[in-house]
Amino acid sequence: MAWIVTKYLLTAAVVVLVSEVAARNEKLGGLIAALPMVTFLALIWLHLENQPKEKISNHAWYTFWYVIPTLPMFLAFPFLHERIGFWLTLAACAVITIACFVLLIHLLKLFGIDIV
């Protein structure tokens, strides 16, 4: 149980760090948020839990492909936020991301890559 609590606390600390830094300096906050800290933590947790190398490597592989369809959302957010407000922008960005995931899944299948 202590291990799970430690994982939660360290992982939550990353989110708090990003939000606190972003509140003071949006450029530095964005930089820190863009770092693959959550992925690094997940890889560390998997390694420390003695997961097979293949599982750890697969996590990194799928993370790469899952990041790509999230990128358009980061471009759309500033444009939409000024025009339709925060909550509608979040909803629109979720729809954009889902659409990009669907498109990527179909595109990758053409190349024999299955990510779902």
Protein backbone atom coordinates (compact mmCIF):
# COMPACT_ATOMS: atom_id res chain seq x y z
CA MET A 1 0.00 0.00 0.00
CA ALA A 2 2.85 2.39 0.79
CA TRP A 3 4.21 1.85 -2.73
CA ILE A 4 0.92 2.93 -4.34
CA VAL A 5 0.70 5.99 -2.09
CA THR A 6 4.30 6.92 -2.99
CA LYS A 7 3.51 6.58 -6.71
CA TYR A 8 0.43 8.78 -6.36
CA LEU A 9 2.24 11.44 -4.36
CA LEU A 10 5.22 11.68 -6.71
CA THR A 11 3.04 11.69 -9.80
CA ALA A 12 0.71 14.31 -8.32
CA ALA A 13 3.73 16.42 -7.38
CA VAL A 14 4.65 16.63 -11.07
CA VAL A 15 1.20 18.03 -11.93
CA VAL A 16 1.34 20.52 -9.05
CA LEU A 17 4.86 21.58 -10.08
CA VAL A 18 3.76 22.27 -13.65
CA SER A 19 0.69 24.26 -12.60
CA GLU A 20 2.63 26.32 -10.03
CA VAL A 21 5.43 27.12 -12.45
CA ALA A 22 2.95 27.92 -15.24
CA ALA A 23 1.11 30.35 -12.94
CA ARG A 24 4.34 32.31 -12.57
CA ASN A 25 5.92 31.84 -16.01
CA GLU A 26 3.83 30.37 -18.82
CA LYS A 27 6.84 29.70 -21.07
CA LEU A 28 8.70 27.73 -18.40
CA GLY A 29 5.47 26.00 -17.36
CA GLY A 30 4.84 24.96 -20.96
CA LEU A 31 8.39 23.68 -21.28
CA ILE A 32 8.12 21.61 -18.13
CA ALA A 33 4.69 20.30 -19.18
CA ALA A 34 6.11 19.28 -22.56
CA LEU A 35 8.81 17.16 -20.95
CA PRO A 36 7.86 13.51 -20.85
CA MET A 37 7.92 13.40 -17.04
CA VAL A 38 4.77 11.33 -16.69
CA THR A 39 6.10 8.84 -19.22
CA PHE A 40 9.44 8.70 -17.41
CA LEU A 41 7.63 8.08 -14.13
CA ALA A 42 5.50 5.36 -15.70
CA LEU A 43 8.60 3.70 -17.17
CA ILE A 44 10.33 3.90 -13.77
CA TRP A 45 7.28 2.46 -11.98
CA LEU A 46 7.06 -0.41 -14.51
CA HIS A 47 10.78 -1.12 -14.11
CA LEU A 48 10.67 -1.02 -10.30
CA GLU A 49 7.68 -3.36 -10.38
CA ASN A 50 9.80 -5.83 -12.40
CA GLN A 51 7.63 -5.73 -15.49
CA PRO A 52 9.10 -7.48 -18.53
CA LYS A 53 11.35 -5.41 -20.79
CA GLU A 54 8.93 -5.94 -23.66
CA LYS A 55 6.07 -4.38 -21.68
CA ILE A 56 8.20 -1.36 -20.74
CA SER A 57 9.38 -0.90 -24.33
CA ASN A 58 5.84 -1.27 -25.65
CA HIS A 59 4.72 1.47 -23.29
CA ALA A 60 7.26 3.87 -24.81
CA TRP A 61 6.32 2.75 -28.35
CA TYR A 62 2.59 3.35 -27.88
CA THR A 63 3.18 6.62 -26.03
CA PHE A 64 5.03 7.93 -29.09
CA TRP A 65 2.08 7.18 -31.36
CA TYR A 66 -0.50 8.49 -28.87
CA VAL A 67 1.28 11.85 -28.51
CA ILE A 68 0.99 12.67 -32.22
CA PRO A 69 -2.82 13.10 -32.35
CA THR A 70 -2.77 15.34 -29.28
CA LEU A 71 -0.56 17.96 -30.92
CA PRO A 72 -3.27 19.71 -33.00
CA MET A 73 -5.17 20.39 -29.79
CA PHE A 74 -2.32 22.55 -28.52
CA LEU A 75 -2.54 24.68 -31.66
CA ALA A 76 -6.33 24.91 -31.59
CA PHE A 77 -6.63 25.82 -27.90
CA PRO A 78 -5.25 29.40 -28.03
CA PHE A 79 -7.26 30.17 -31.18
CA LEU A 80 -10.54 28.81 -29.80
CA HIS A 81 -10.08 30.05 -26.23
CA GLU A 82 -10.23 33.69 -27.31
CA ARG A 83 -13.37 33.06 -29.35
CA ILE A 84 -15.57 30.57 -27.49
CA GLY A 85 -14.36 30.57 -23.88
CA PHE A 86 -12.56 28.06 -21.71
CA TRP A 87 -15.06 25.22 -21.25
CA LEU A 88 -16.24 25.08 -24.85
CA THR A 89 -12.62 25.19 -25.94
CA LEU A 90 -11.81 22.20 -23.74
CA ALA A 91 -14.75 20.31 -25.23
CA ALA A 92 -13.76 21.26 -28.78
CA CYS A 93 -10.16 20.22 -28.10
CA ALA A 94 -11.36 16.85 -26.82
CA VAL A 95 -13.34 16.36 -30.04
CA ILE A 96 -10.35 17.46 -32.15
CA THR A 97 -8.10 15.01 -30.31
CA ILE A 98 -10.55 12.12 -30.69
CA ALA A 99 -10.90 12.87 -34.41
CA CYS A 100 -7.12 12.96 -34.79
CA PHE A 101 -6.84 9.62 -32.96
CA VAL A 102 -9.36 8.02 -35.31
CA LEU A 103 -7.54 9.42 -38.35
CA LEU A 104 -4.15 8.26 -37.05
CA ILE A 105 -5.46 4.77 -36.31
CA HIS A 106 -6.71 4.41 -39.89
CA LEU A 107 -3.58 5.95 -41.39
CA LEU A 108 -1.24 3.70 -39.42
CA LYS A 109 -3.22 0.61 -40.41
CA LEU A 110 -2.30 1.40 -44.02
CA PHE A 111 1.34 0.93 -42.95
CA GLY A 112 0.67 -2.21 -40.92
CA ILE A 113 0.92 -0.50 -37.53
CA ASP A 114 -1.84 -1.37 -35.06
CA ILE A 115 -2.06 0.91 -32.03
CA VAL A 116 -5.43 -0.21 -30.64
